[in-house]
Amino acid sequence: MTAARYYPPTPESSGLKESRRRLRRSQQISSNTKNNAKIKQINNKIPHSLQFLLLIHKSSATLTFCLVTITLAVYGWTVQAPNLWSQEFQKLTKLQRDERHLVGANEALKHQLAQQAQKPIVGLSDPHPRDLIFLPDVKVTPLSITNATTSTPKKPFVAEAPVAY
């Protein structure tokens, strides 16, 4: 009795595999071109009424998309505008409240100064007409514009020293 020997299966040669791949690829390409030809034939056979309906479908889808976009933009604007207005109104009311506080503090300081000025120990006195100073009237002559100043050609100003830093 002789023992059977085990022979592992040998892989196909790489050339054979490559040729099989090329064959499959060429079969797929030929079937695709046949399918494309069938599709072209079907497209040519579509009736005009169906083509018109397809055109209406495409245009209505585009119009719907545009309208939805515009609607969302307007909705966002109508929601955002009151929020911004409310924030700015809150700033305005805060500024008005601060202004009222400042006016009140200013008036309180004026009142306090007036009360202190009425006390005799401060040394302030009421104004008297003899203490007033009167300045003499001064005659002011208007400047006259001569033709020489207006007729000279204007030259650009070039400073010898830097005007600013």
Protein backbone atom coordinates (compact mmCIF):
# COMPACT_ATOMS: atom_id res chain seq x y z
CA MET A 1 0.00 0.00 0.00
CA THR A 2 1.31 3.29 -0.91
CA ALA A 3 0.31 6.47 0.84
CA ALA A 4 -1.48 9.13 -1.11
CA ARG A 5 0.40 12.29 -1.33
CA TYR A 6 -1.24 15.67 -0.66
CA TYR A 7 -0.79 18.27 -3.31
CA PRO A 8 -2.06 21.74 -2.37
CA PRO A 9 -3.96 23.58 -5.09
CA THR A 10 -1.69 25.89 -7.01
CA PRO A 11 -2.82 29.45 -7.63
CA GLU A 12 -3.63 30.41 -11.16
CA SER A 13 -0.93 32.17 -13.01
CA SER A 14 -1.13 35.96 -12.89
CA GLY A 15 -1.36 36.21 -16.69
CA LEU A 16 -4.44 34.02 -16.74
CA LYS A 17 -6.12 36.10 -14.01
CA GLU A 18 -5.38 39.32 -15.86
CA SER A 19 -6.84 38.01 -19.11
CA ARG A 20 -10.02 36.93 -17.32
CA ARG A 21 -10.35 40.39 -15.75
CA ARG A 22 -9.96 42.05 -19.15
CA LEU A 23 -12.59 39.78 -20.62
CA ARG A 24 -15.08 40.57 -17.85
CA ARG A 25 -14.40 44.31 -18.17
CA SER A 26 -14.92 44.28 -21.92
CA GLN A 27 -18.18 42.36 -21.47
CA GLN A 28 -19.38 44.95 -18.93
CA ILE A 29 -18.48 47.84 -21.22
CA SER A 30 -20.28 46.28 -24.16
CA SER A 31 -23.39 45.64 -22.05
CA ASN A 32 -23.27 49.25 -20.78
CA THR A 33 -23.11 50.63 -24.32
CA LYS A 34 -26.07 48.44 -25.27
CA ASN A 35 -28.01 49.76 -22.25
CA ASN A 36 -27.07 53.34 -23.14
CA ALA A 37 -28.26 52.82 -26.67
CA LYS A 38 -31.57 51.48 -25.33
CA ILE A 39 -31.88 54.50 -23.03
CA LYS A 40 -31.22 56.87 -25.91
CA GLN A 41 -33.85 55.12 -27.95
CA ILE A 42 -36.32 55.40 -25.05
CA ASN A 43 -35.54 59.12 -24.60
CA ASN A 44 -36.20 59.72 -28.26
CA LYS A 45 -39.56 57.98 -27.99
CA ILE A 46 -40.94 60.14 -25.11
CA PRO A 47 -44.10 61.91 -26.25
CA HIS A 48 -44.17 65.70 -26.26
CA SER A 49 -46.89 65.85 -23.62
CA LEU A 50 -44.71 63.84 -21.22
CA GLN A 51 -41.70 66.02 -22.01
CA PHE A 52 -43.84 69.07 -21.25
CA LEU A 53 -44.92 67.55 -17.93
CA LEU A 54 -41.27 66.81 -17.07
CA LEU A 55 -40.38 70.43 -17.86
CA ILE A 56 -43.22 71.66 -15.62
CA HIS A 57 -42.02 69.30 -12.87
CA LYS A 58 -38.44 70.62 -13.05
CA SER A 59 -39.50 74.26 -13.11
CA SER A 60 -41.99 73.82 -10.26
CA ALA A 61 -39.33 72.08 -8.16
CA THR A 62 -36.95 74.99 -8.77
CA LEU A 63 -39.65 77.53 -8.01
CA THR A 64 -40.62 75.67 -4.84
CA PHE A 65 -37.00 75.63 -3.67
CA CYS A 66 -36.69 79.38 -4.28
CA LEU A 67 -39.95 80.13 -2.47
CA VAL A 68 -38.99 78.01 0.53
CA THR A 69 -35.62 79.77 0.73
CA ILE A 70 -37.25 83.21 0.55
CA THR A 71 -39.85 82.20 3.13
CA LEU A 72 -37.19 81.02 5.57
CA ALA A 73 -35.20 84.22 5.04
CA VAL A 74 -38.24 86.42 5.67
CA TYR A 75 -39.20 84.37 8.72
CA GLY A 76 -35.67 84.69 10.11
CA TRP A 77 -35.71 88.42 9.51
CA THR A 78 -39.11 88.87 11.18
CA VAL A 79 -37.91 86.91 14.21
CA GLN A 80 -34.49 88.55 14.41
CA ALA A 81 -35.64 92.16 13.90
CA PRO A 82 -37.82 92.28 17.07
CA ASN A 83 -35.01 90.70 19.08
CA LEU A 84 -32.57 93.37 17.95
CA TRP A 85 -35.16 96.08 18.56
CA SER A 86 -35.80 94.80 22.07
CA GLN A 87 -32.06 94.75 22.87
CA GLU A 88 -31.59 98.30 21.59
CA PHE A 89 -34.71 99.46 23.49
CA GLN A 90 -33.28 98.01 26.70
CA LYS A 91 -30.04 99.93 26.08
CA LEU A 92 -32.04 103.12 25.50
CA THR A 93 -34.05 102.74 28.70
CA LYS A 94 -30.85 102.08 30.67
CA LEU A 95 -29.25 105.21 29.21
CA GLN A 96 -32.35 107.28 30.04
CA ARG A 97 -32.33 105.95 33.60
CA ASP A 98 -28.62 106.79 33.96
CA GLU A 99 -29.29 110.27 32.56
CA ARG A 100 -32.03 110.84 35.16
CA HIS A 101 -29.64 109.75 37.93
CA LEU A 102 -26.92 112.09 36.66
CA VAL A 103 -29.32 115.03 36.38
CA GLY A 104 -30.53 114.36 39.93
CA ALA A 105 -26.96 114.15 41.26
CA ASN A 106 -26.04 117.36 39.42
CA GLU A 107 -29.01 119.21 40.92
CA ALA A 108 -28.18 117.89 44.39
CA LEU A 109 -24.60 119.22 44.04
CA LYS A 110 -25.92 122.61 42.88
CA HIS A 111 -28.25 122.77 45.87
CA GLN A 112 -25.44 121.81 48.25
CA LEU A 113 -23.16 124.52 46.79
CA ALA A 114 -25.94 127.11 47.11
CA GLN A 115 -26.49 126.13 50.75
CA GLN A 116 -22.77 126.43 51.48
CA ALA A 117 -22.56 129.81 49.72
CA GLN A 118 -25.28 131.23 51.98
CA LYS A 119 -23.28 130.47 55.12
CA PRO A 120 -21.36 133.54 56.37
CA ILE A 121 -18.22 131.61 57.32
CA VAL A 122 -17.49 130.82 53.68
CA GLY A 123 -16.73 134.45 52.92
CA LEU A 124 -18.80 134.84 49.80
CA SER A 125 -20.78 138.05 49.31
CA ASP A 126 -23.57 139.17 47.03
CA PRO A 127 -22.42 140.96 43.86
CA HIS A 128 -22.52 144.74 44.11
CA PRO A 129 -22.78 147.10 41.10
CA ARG A 130 -19.62 148.96 42.11
CA ASP A 131 -17.60 145.74 41.78
CA LEU A 132 -18.60 145.19 38.16
CA ILE A 133 -16.03 145.64 35.41
CA PHE A 134 -17.11 147.27 32.15
CA LEU A 135 -15.04 146.92 28.98
CA PRO A 136 -15.04 149.70 26.39
CA ASP A 137 -16.62 149.03 23.00
CA VAL A 138 -14.16 148.10 20.30
CA LYS A 139 -14.81 148.97 16.71
CA VAL A 140 -14.30 145.92 14.53
CA THR A 141 -13.67 146.43 10.84
CA PRO A 142 -14.47 143.59 8.48
CA LEU A 143 -11.67 142.20 6.40
CA SER A 144 -11.81 142.98 2.72
CA ILE A 145 -10.86 140.37 0.13
CA THR A 146 -8.54 141.64 -2.53
CA ASN A 147 -8.44 140.34 -6.07
CA ALA A 148 -4.74 139.55 -5.73
CA THR A 149 -5.42 136.81 -3.22
CA THR A 150 -8.10 135.15 -5.33
CA SER A 151 -6.32 135.42 -8.67
CA THR A 152 -3.10 133.71 -7.65
CA PRO A 153 -2.81 130.11 -8.82
CA LYS A 154 -3.10 127.62 -6.03
CA LYS A 155 0.06 125.75 -5.24
CA PRO A 156 0.14 122.59 -3.19
CA PHE A 157 1.18 123.03 0.41
CA VAL A 158 4.56 121.48 1.13
CA ALA A 159 5.74 121.86 4.68
CA GLU A 160 9.44 122.16 5.46
CA ALA A 161 9.00 120.36 8.76
CA PRO A 162 6.64 117.48 9.52
CA VAL A 163 3.12 118.66 10.24
CA ALA A 164 2.34 115.77 12.54
CA TYR A 165 4.03 112.66 13.75
